Amino acid sequence: MPGCGTLLGPSWPQFHPIKGLTYLKTACYSLFPTPAPPIATPHPMPSWLLDIQTIYHQPEVLDYQRGREILDTFPRAERIVVDSHWKIPGLNGFEGNLENWNKIKRNVLVLGVKSSLYAQPNSRSSDFIAPSHANGCAMACTYCYVSRQKGFANPITTFVNIEAIMGYLRRHAARQGWKAQPSQVDPKYWVYDLGCNSDCSVDALISDNVRDLITLFRNLPNAKASFATKFVNRDLLDYDPQRKTRIRLSLMPQRIAKAVDVRTSPMAERIRSINDFYAAGYEVHLNFSPVIYYDGWQDDYRQLFDELADVLRPEAKTQLGAEVIFLTHNEKLHQINLGWHPKGEELLWKPELQETKYSQMGGRNMRYKRGFKAGLIDEFSALLKERLPECPIRYAF
């Protein structure tokens, strides 16, 4: 029921751009001013993760409100104007930056204008990969494929033309119409992955891009947003997604995460957050990625699944789904990692167990040998079904 002082006006049919959809629009007339809902106070910026001291930006960034907002957020940061946000010579192209890999991630931000807007078809984590609102990351996972593309430094790049990105997504979703058949991605909605090249939970510390995108998908009748994350950002609990955004919590055994999930939230914190994100209106799935083979991996995953079974509430368990992605590595990334974190490569670089694989994007990578990997997938799947039967596997490879 509306509050005191609000009259409901007439309803009338409106044609929505989604094909064949008509809905009722109701006019509301306010007789008295209604107080705005309180705005949640953001949590403090975690200084161990981000302490922006230098901002590289294209000159046109100042033409965008989002660009000015971000610059105002970090008023003491040195500003360096660059022609392009991509492969900045003194940043990405300087091999000596490897020794400052994590310092650059913590202290440097790049602002740019996204020029190419394209939703790439996908059939695993999503139906489409949305145009990036950011790329790069303040975290430093040693297996991250984005690092292969950006040279000798990989800080966050935030794109300030968020209105253009959202406008493209709105039009793209409208062209799809309603989803004709259910798929493993989602039975009802077209799903767009927002974080293929970044971690949205960290991006939300920089700007309102992620909030704006979650709001957009909340209001798109035929589409849902999705992103994987390794950082628990509790500000997202106030974004009111209304089950139209799927968070995929990335999980692995904590003792392995210490070596390869550098500068991320602890596994116990990620697991505890699942109940809270579900209660806040998100759909929450599990992202077991990458699964790394080592002696004793089955025992570690058994403990991880048991922890999930113990911590998660029944209502959170019933809506779970999982994606299982075994490690894919890359020789170029291997060489980069040797320059700043060689310890992690003892787990990742196993040529005797790996073979060449060409990705969907045409990249030459390394994965576990085909027959060996098939056995690992079977073992993992059986173990998950045994210890956490409420969580079906959407896909595994």
Protein backbone atom coordinates (compact mmCIF):
# COMPACT_ATOMS: atom_id res chain seq x y z
CA MET A 1 0.00 0.00 0.00
CA PRO A 2 1.23 3.53 -0.74
CA GLY A 3 2.12 5.72 2.20
CA CYS A 4 0.02 8.61 3.51
CA GLY A 5 -0.24 11.46 1.05
CA THR A 6 0.07 9.42 -2.16
CA LEU A 7 -2.77 8.91 -4.62
CA LEU A 8 -2.68 6.26 -7.29
CA GLY A 9 -3.76 7.52 -10.66
CA PRO A 10 -5.14 5.54 -13.60
CA SER A 11 -3.33 2.63 -15.23
CA TRP A 12 -2.83 2.35 -18.95
CA PRO A 13 -1.08 -0.12 -21.29
CA GLN A 14 2.40 0.74 -22.47
CA PHE A 15 4.37 -1.06 -25.20
CA HIS A 16 7.79 -2.12 -24.03
CA PRO A 17 10.69 -2.43 -26.51
CA ILE A 18 11.06 -6.10 -25.57
CA LYS A 19 9.22 -7.89 -28.37
CA GLY A 20 5.57 -8.51 -27.69
CA LEU A 21 5.58 -7.24 -24.12
CA THR A 22 2.87 -4.92 -22.81
CA TYR A 23 2.75 -3.78 -19.22
CA LEU A 24 0.61 -1.48 -17.06
CA LYS A 25 1.98 1.87 -16.04
CA THR A 26 0.43 3.59 -13.04
CA ALA A 27 0.58 7.30 -12.40
CA CYS A 28 1.38 8.42 -8.85
CA TYR A 29 0.71 11.89 -7.53
CA SER A 30 2.44 13.03 -4.34
CA LEU A 31 0.48 15.50 -2.21
CA PHE A 32 3.24 15.89 0.36
CA PRO A 33 7.00 15.65 0.04
CA THR A 34 8.19 12.11 0.67
CA PRO A 35 11.58 11.83 2.36
CA ALA A 36 14.20 10.21 0.19
CA PRO A 37 15.30 6.76 1.36
CA PRO A 38 18.48 6.87 3.41
CA ILE A 39 21.68 6.29 1.48
CA ALA A 40 23.86 3.65 3.06
CA THR A 41 27.23 4.90 4.22
CA PRO A 42 29.93 3.18 2.16
CA HIS A 43 32.47 1.07 3.98
CA PRO A 44 35.94 2.64 4.14
CA MET A 45 38.25 1.98 1.20
CA PRO A 46 40.44 -0.99 2.19
CA SER A 47 43.89 0.61 2.05
CA TRP A 48 45.61 -2.78 1.88
CA LEU A 49 43.94 -3.21 -1.51
CA LEU A 50 43.71 0.32 -2.96
CA ASP A 51 45.58 3.51 -2.18
CA ILE A 52 45.41 5.46 -5.43
CA GLN A 53 48.35 7.82 -5.86
CA THR A 54 48.64 8.06 -9.65
CA ILE A 55 45.87 8.31 -12.25
CA TYR A 56 46.59 7.93 -15.96
CA HIS A 57 43.69 9.26 -18.02
CA GLN A 58 42.72 10.15 -21.54
CA PRO A 59 42.00 13.88 -21.94
CA GLU A 60 38.34 13.27 -22.85
CA VAL A 61 37.71 11.63 -19.46
CA LEU A 62 37.02 15.12 -18.12
CA ASP A 63 34.06 15.39 -20.51
CA TYR A 64 32.19 12.68 -18.61
CA GLN A 65 30.45 13.06 -15.27
CA ARG A 66 31.72 9.66 -14.14
CA GLY A 67 35.26 10.69 -14.98
CA ARG A 68 34.99 13.89 -12.96
CA GLU A 69 33.42 11.97 -10.04
CA ILE A 70 36.32 9.52 -9.93
CA LEU A 71 38.94 12.25 -10.14
CA ASP A 72 37.20 14.06 -7.28
CA THR A 73 37.27 10.84 -5.24
CA PHE A 74 41.07 10.83 -5.37
CA PRO A 75 41.96 14.55 -5.22
CA ARG A 76 45.56 14.01 -4.08
CA ALA A 77 46.46 11.57 -6.84
CA GLU A 78 48.94 12.69 -9.49
CA ARG A 79 47.24 12.96 -12.87
CA ILE A 80 49.03 11.94 -16.06
CA VAL A 81 47.31 12.55 -19.40
CA VAL A 82 47.82 9.78 -21.97
CA ASP A 83 46.63 9.32 -25.54
CA SER A 84 45.20 5.84 -24.93
CA HIS A 85 44.15 3.77 -21.93
CA TRP A 86 45.71 0.72 -23.58
CA LYS A 87 49.37 -0.31 -23.30
CA ILE A 88 50.67 2.88 -21.74
CA PRO A 89 54.43 2.87 -22.56
CA GLY A 90 55.80 3.73 -19.12
CA LEU A 91 53.34 1.41 -17.42
CA ASN A 92 52.34 -1.72 -19.34
CA GLY A 93 55.33 -1.66 -21.66
CA PHE A 94 58.13 -1.39 -19.08
CA GLU A 95 59.53 -4.77 -18.01
CA GLY A 96 61.07 -3.24 -14.90
CA ASN A 97 57.57 -2.78 -13.48
CA LEU A 98 57.37 -6.50 -12.71
CA GLU A 99 59.18 -6.00 -9.41
CA ASN A 100 56.44 -3.48 -8.47
CA TRP A 101 53.56 -5.66 -9.72
CA ASN A 102 51.43 -5.39 -6.56
CA LYS A 103 52.46 -1.82 -5.71
CA ILE A 104 51.18 -0.69 -9.11
CA LYS A 105 47.91 -2.55 -8.56
CA ARG A 106 47.44 -0.75 -5.23
CA ASN A 107 48.60 2.74 -6.21
CA VAL A 108 47.72 3.21 -9.90
CA LEU A 109 44.39 3.75 -11.66
CA VAL A 110 43.74 4.22 -15.38
CA LEU A 111 40.67 6.06 -16.69
CA GLY A 112 39.56 5.73 -20.28
CA VAL A 113 36.69 5.88 -22.73
CA LYS A 114 35.48 2.55 -24.08
CA SER A 115 35.38 2.92 -27.85
CA SER A 116 34.25 -0.54 -29.00
CA LEU A 117 30.90 -1.72 -27.65
CA TYR A 118 30.10 -5.34 -28.41
CA ALA A 119 28.31 -8.16 -26.57
CA GLN A 120 30.26 -11.32 -27.31
CA PRO A 121 28.17 -14.53 -27.44
CA ASN A 122 29.01 -17.06 -24.75
CA SER A 123 27.50 -20.36 -23.64
CA ARG A 124 29.10 -21.09 -20.28
CA SER A 125 29.00 -18.50 -17.51
CA SER A 126 26.56 -16.36 -19.50
CA ASP A 127 24.76 -15.97 -22.80
CA PHE A 128 26.74 -12.83 -23.60
CA ILE A 129 29.87 -11.11 -22.33
CA ALA A 130 28.94 -7.47 -21.81
CA PRO A 131 31.17 -4.65 -23.05
CA SER A 132 33.73 -4.05 -20.31
CA HIS A 133 33.03 -1.25 -17.86
CA ALA A 134 36.56 -1.93 -16.53
CA ASN A 135 39.52 -4.20 -17.04
CA GLY A 136 42.47 -5.16 -14.90
CA CYS A 137 42.31 -5.64 -11.15
CA ALA A 138 43.75 -4.55 -7.82
CA MET A 139 43.97 -8.19 -6.79
CA ALA A 140 46.81 -10.34 -8.11
CA CYS A 141 45.65 -13.88 -8.88
CA THR A 142 48.61 -15.54 -10.53
CA TYR A 143 46.51 -17.44 -13.10
CA CYS A 144 44.51 -14.40 -14.32
CA TYR A 145 44.25 -14.34 -18.11
CA VAL A 146 43.82 -10.54 -18.27
CA SER A 147 47.46 -10.17 -17.28
CA ARG A 148 48.51 -11.98 -20.46
CA GLN A 149 47.17 -9.11 -22.54
CA LYS A 150 48.40 -6.06 -20.62
CA GLY A 151 52.16 -6.44 -20.50
CA PHE A 152 54.18 -5.75 -17.38
CA ALA A 153 51.51 -4.06 -15.24
CA ASN A 154 47.82 -4.76 -14.71
CA PRO A 155 46.11 -2.09 -12.56
CA ILE A 156 42.42 -1.28 -12.81
CA THR A 157 41.25 0.58 -15.89
CA THR A 158 37.79 2.11 -15.41
CA PHE A 159 35.73 3.29 -18.37
CA VAL A 160 33.88 6.52 -17.71
CA ASN A 161 31.35 6.42 -20.58
CA ILE A 162 29.02 4.20 -18.56
CA GLU A 163 25.89 5.75 -20.10
CA ALA A 164 26.98 4.60 -23.56
CA ILE A 165 27.74 1.10 -22.25
CA MET A 166 24.34 0.85 -20.54
CA GLY A 167 22.57 2.23 -23.60
CA TYR A 168 24.18 -0.43 -25.75
CA LEU A 169 23.17 -3.18 -23.31
CA ARG A 170 19.60 -1.90 -23.13
CA ARG A 171 19.28 -1.98 -26.91
CA HIS A 172 21.02 -5.35 -27.22
CA ALA A 173 18.70 -6.97 -24.67
CA ALA A 174 15.64 -5.50 -26.40
CA ARG A 175 16.74 -7.05 -29.71
CA GLN A 176 16.91 -10.52 -28.14
CA GLY A 177 13.26 -10.65 -27.12
CA TRP A 178 12.27 -13.31 -24.61
CA LYS A 179 14.48 -16.36 -24.20
CA ALA A 180 12.78 -19.08 -26.23
CA GLN A 181 14.26 -22.12 -24.48
CA PRO A 182 15.86 -22.75 -21.09
CA SER A 183 19.61 -23.36 -21.04
CA GLN A 184 22.22 -24.31 -18.45
CA VAL A 185 23.02 -20.60 -18.20
CA ASP A 186 19.53 -19.68 -17.01
CA PRO A 187 16.05 -21.09 -17.61
CA LYS A 188 14.35 -17.73 -18.17
CA TYR A 189 16.68 -14.77 -18.71
CA TRP A 190 19.44 -13.79 -21.09
CA VAL A 191 22.50 -13.54 -18.84
CA TYR A 192 25.25 -10.95 -19.39
CA ASP A 193 28.64 -11.39 -17.71
CA LEU A 194 29.71 -7.96 -16.43
CA GLY A 195 33.10 -8.97 -15.05
CA CYS A 196 34.92 -10.99 -17.67
CA ASN A 197 37.95 -8.68 -17.57
CA SER A 198 37.77 -7.36 -14.00
CA ASP A 199 36.30 -8.04 -10.57
CA CYS A 200 33.10 -6.04 -10.14
CA SER A 201 33.27 -6.12 -6.34
CA VAL A 202 36.59 -4.27 -6.49
CA ASP A 203 35.46 -2.01 -9.35
CA ALA A 204 32.62 -0.83 -7.09
CA LEU A 205 35.24 0.71 -4.78
CA ILE A 206 36.27 3.07 -7.60
CA SER A 207 32.95 4.30 -8.97
CA ASP A 208 29.21 3.70 -9.29
CA ASN A 209 29.57 1.80 -12.58
CA VAL A 210 28.64 -1.52 -10.98
CA ARG A 211 25.72 -0.03 -9.03
CA ASP A 212 24.42 1.52 -12.26
CA LEU A 213 24.69 -1.77 -14.14
CA ILE A 214 22.91 -3.74 -11.41
CA THR A 215 20.14 -1.13 -11.45
CA LEU A 216 19.91 -1.44 -15.23
CA PHE A 217 19.47 -5.21 -15.16
CA ARG A 218 17.00 -5.01 -12.29
CA ASN A 219 14.74 -3.13 -14.70
CA LEU A 220 15.36 -5.15 -17.88
CA PRO A 221 12.48 -7.64 -18.05
CA ASN A 222 14.30 -10.31 -20.08
CA ALA A 223 17.91 -10.10 -18.89
CA LYS A 224 20.07 -10.79 -15.84
CA ALA A 225 23.59 -9.67 -14.90
CA SER A 226 26.32 -11.96 -13.60
CA PHE A 227 29.89 -11.71 -12.38
CA ALA A 228 32.45 -13.81 -10.53
CA THR A 229 34.29 -12.33 -7.57
CA LYS A 230 37.07 -13.06 -5.10
CA PHE A 231 36.49 -9.96 -2.94
CA VAL A 232 33.70 -9.42 -0.42
CA ASN A 233 32.43 -5.87 -0.83
CA ARG A 234 29.54 -5.39 1.57
CA ASP A 235 28.49 -2.13 -0.05
CA LEU A 236 26.89 -4.33 -2.73
CA LEU A 237 24.37 -5.53 -0.16
CA ASP A 238 22.57 -2.20 -0.56
CA TYR A 239 22.21 -2.35 -4.37
CA ASP A 240 18.74 -4.03 -4.36
CA PRO A 241 19.27 -6.44 -7.31
CA GLN A 242 15.90 -8.23 -6.86
CA ARG A 243 17.36 -11.57 -8.06
CA LYS A 244 18.36 -10.00 -11.39
CA THR A 245 22.10 -10.23 -10.66
CA ARG A 246 23.95 -13.49 -10.09
CA ILE A 247 27.12 -13.30 -8.01
CA ARG A 248 29.46 -16.24 -8.51
CA LEU A 249 31.74 -16.59 -5.47
CA SER A 250 35.10 -17.99 -6.58
CA LEU A 251 36.28 -20.70 -4.19
CA MET A 252 39.28 -22.98 -3.74
CA PRO A 253 41.08 -24.52 -0.73
CA GLN A 254 42.52 -21.74 1.44
CA ARG A 255 46.04 -23.17 1.64
CA ILE A 256 46.27 -23.08 -2.17
CA ALA A 257 44.65 -19.65 -2.33
CA LYS A 258 47.48 -18.29 -0.18
CA ALA A 259 49.87 -19.09 -3.02
CA VAL A 260 47.80 -18.11 -6.07
CA ASP A 261 44.86 -15.89 -4.95
CA VAL A 262 47.06 -12.97 -3.93
CA ARG A 263 45.42 -9.86 -2.37
CA THR A 264 41.94 -11.41 -2.21
CA SER A 265 39.35 -11.99 0.53
CA PRO A 266 39.97 -15.09 2.68
CA MET A 267 37.95 -18.15 1.72
CA ALA A 268 36.03 -18.25 5.02
CA GLU A 269 34.89 -14.65 4.48
CA ARG A 270 33.71 -15.44 0.95
CA ILE A 271 31.75 -18.45 2.18
CA ARG A 272 30.11 -16.51 5.03
CA SER A 273 29.05 -13.79 2.60
CA ILE A 274 26.91 -16.16 0.52
CA ASN A 275 24.04 -16.11 3.03
CA ASP A 276 24.19 -12.32 3.22
CA PHE A 277 24.22 -11.74 -0.53
CA TYR A 278 21.32 -14.12 -1.00
CA ALA A 279 19.36 -12.33 1.74
CA ALA A 280 20.11 -9.00 0.00
CA GLY A 281 18.40 -10.17 -3.21
CA TYR A 282 21.21 -11.67 -5.26
CA GLU A 283 21.23 -15.07 -6.85
CA VAL A 284 24.46 -16.68 -5.61
CA HIS A 285 26.33 -19.44 -7.42
CA LEU A 286 29.72 -21.04 -6.82
CA ASN A 287 32.67 -20.63 -9.15
CA PHE A 288 35.26 -23.36 -8.61
CA SER A 289 37.94 -21.82 -10.75
CA PRO A 290 40.62 -22.67 -11.35
CA VAL A 291 40.74 -26.19 -9.97
CA ILE A 292 44.44 -27.01 -9.62
CA TYR A 293 45.80 -30.53 -9.44
CA TYR A 294 48.29 -31.35 -6.65
CA ASP A 295 48.84 -34.19 -4.20
CA GLY A 296 46.00 -34.15 -1.69
CA TRP A 297 43.63 -31.97 -3.69
CA GLN A 298 40.66 -34.28 -3.03
CA ASP A 299 41.00 -33.97 0.76
CA ASP A 300 41.21 -30.18 0.56
CA TYR A 301 38.10 -29.92 -1.61
CA ARG A 302 36.24 -32.33 0.67
CA GLN A 303 36.92 -29.96 3.56
CA LEU A 304 35.85 -26.98 1.46
CA PHE A 305 32.55 -28.62 0.48
CA ASP A 306 31.91 -29.61 4.11
CA GLU A 307 32.47 -26.01 5.22
CA LEU A 308 29.93 -24.83 2.65
CA ALA A 309 27.44 -27.44 3.83
CA ASP A 310 27.87 -26.32 7.44
CA VAL A 311 27.74 -22.55 6.87
CA LEU A 312 25.06 -22.07 4.21
CA ARG A 313 21.44 -21.68 5.21
CA PRO A 314 18.88 -23.99 3.57
CA GLU A 315 17.38 -21.21 1.42
CA ALA A 316 20.82 -20.32 0.06
CA LYS A 317 21.62 -23.96 -0.68
CA THR A 318 18.46 -24.57 -2.69
CA GLN A 319 19.32 -21.92 -5.30
CA LEU A 320 22.97 -22.87 -5.80
CA GLY A 321 24.60 -23.77 -9.08
CA ALA A 322 28.28 -24.35 -9.80
CA GLU A 323 30.74 -23.91 -12.61
CA VAL A 324 33.91 -25.99 -12.50
CA ILE A 325 36.91 -24.81 -14.51
CA PHE A 326 40.19 -26.67 -14.33
CA LEU A 327 43.38 -24.68 -14.66
CA THR A 328 44.38 -23.19 -17.99
CA HIS A 329 47.81 -21.56 -17.99
CA ASN A 330 49.89 -19.66 -20.51
CA GLU A 331 53.63 -19.46 -21.21
CA LYS A 332 53.61 -15.66 -21.45
CA LEU A 333 51.86 -15.39 -18.08
CA HIS A 334 54.29 -17.97 -16.67
CA GLN A 335 57.20 -15.70 -17.60
CA ILE A 336 55.48 -12.64 -16.08
CA ASN A 337 54.81 -14.54 -12.83
CA LEU A 338 58.42 -15.65 -12.58
CA GLY A 339 59.30 -11.95 -12.38
CA TRP A 340 57.18 -11.22 -9.29
CA HIS A 341 55.81 -14.41 -7.70
CA PRO A 342 57.71 -17.56 -8.74
CA LYS A 343 56.37 -19.55 -5.76
CA GLY A 344 52.92 -19.74 -7.31
CA GLU A 345 54.33 -21.22 -10.50
CA GLU A 346 55.28 -24.37 -8.60
CA LEU A 347 51.55 -25.16 -8.58
CA LEU A 348 50.57 -23.76 -11.97
CA TRP A 349 53.37 -24.72 -14.35
CA LYS A 350 53.39 -28.51 -14.78
CA PRO A 351 54.44 -29.23 -18.40
CA GLU A 352 54.55 -32.97 -17.71
CA LEU A 353 50.79 -32.89 -16.98
CA GLN A 354 49.77 -30.25 -19.52
CA GLU A 355 49.22 -29.96 -23.25
CA THR A 356 48.67 -27.11 -25.71
CA LYS A 357 45.14 -25.79 -25.96
CA TYR A 358 43.78 -23.08 -28.24
CA SER A 359 41.13 -20.96 -26.53
CA GLN A 360 37.84 -19.71 -28.00
CA MET A 361 39.67 -16.42 -28.56
CA GLY A 362 42.51 -18.13 -30.46
CA GLY A 363 45.10 -17.92 -27.69
CA ARG A 364 47.73 -20.65 -27.26
CA ASN A 365 47.43 -21.92 -23.71
CA MET A 366 48.31 -24.93 -21.55
CA ARG A 367 45.74 -27.23 -19.92
CA TYR A 368 45.84 -30.62 -18.25
CA LYS A 369 46.14 -33.45 -20.75
CA ARG A 370 42.79 -34.52 -22.12
CA GLY A 371 42.42 -38.02 -20.63
CA PHE A 372 43.96 -36.96 -17.33
CA LYS A 373 41.65 -33.95 -17.08
CA ALA A 374 38.54 -36.03 -17.82
CA GLY A 375 39.33 -38.21 -14.82
CA LEU A 376 39.83 -35.14 -12.62
CA ILE A 377 36.46 -33.72 -13.65
CA ASP A 378 34.75 -37.01 -12.80
CA GLU A 379 36.42 -37.11 -9.38
CA PHE A 380 35.53 -33.51 -8.60
CA SER A 381 31.91 -33.94 -9.71
CA ALA A 382 31.41 -37.08 -7.61
CA LEU A 383 32.95 -35.43 -4.56
CA LEU A 384 30.73 -32.33 -4.83
CA LYS A 385 27.61 -34.46 -5.27
CA GLU A 386 28.54 -36.48 -2.19
CA ARG A 387 29.34 -33.56 0.14
CA LEU A 388 27.02 -30.80 -1.17
CA PRO A 389 24.20 -32.53 -3.09
CA GLU A 390 22.10 -29.34 -3.21
CA CYS A 391 24.58 -27.77 -5.66
CA PRO A 392 24.24 -29.01 -9.26
CA ILE A 393 27.10 -28.43 -11.69
CA ARG A 394 26.02 -26.21 -14.56
CA TYR A 395 29.12 -27.00 -16.60
CA ALA A 396 32.62 -28.34 -16.08
CA PHE A 397 35.70 -28.31 -18.29
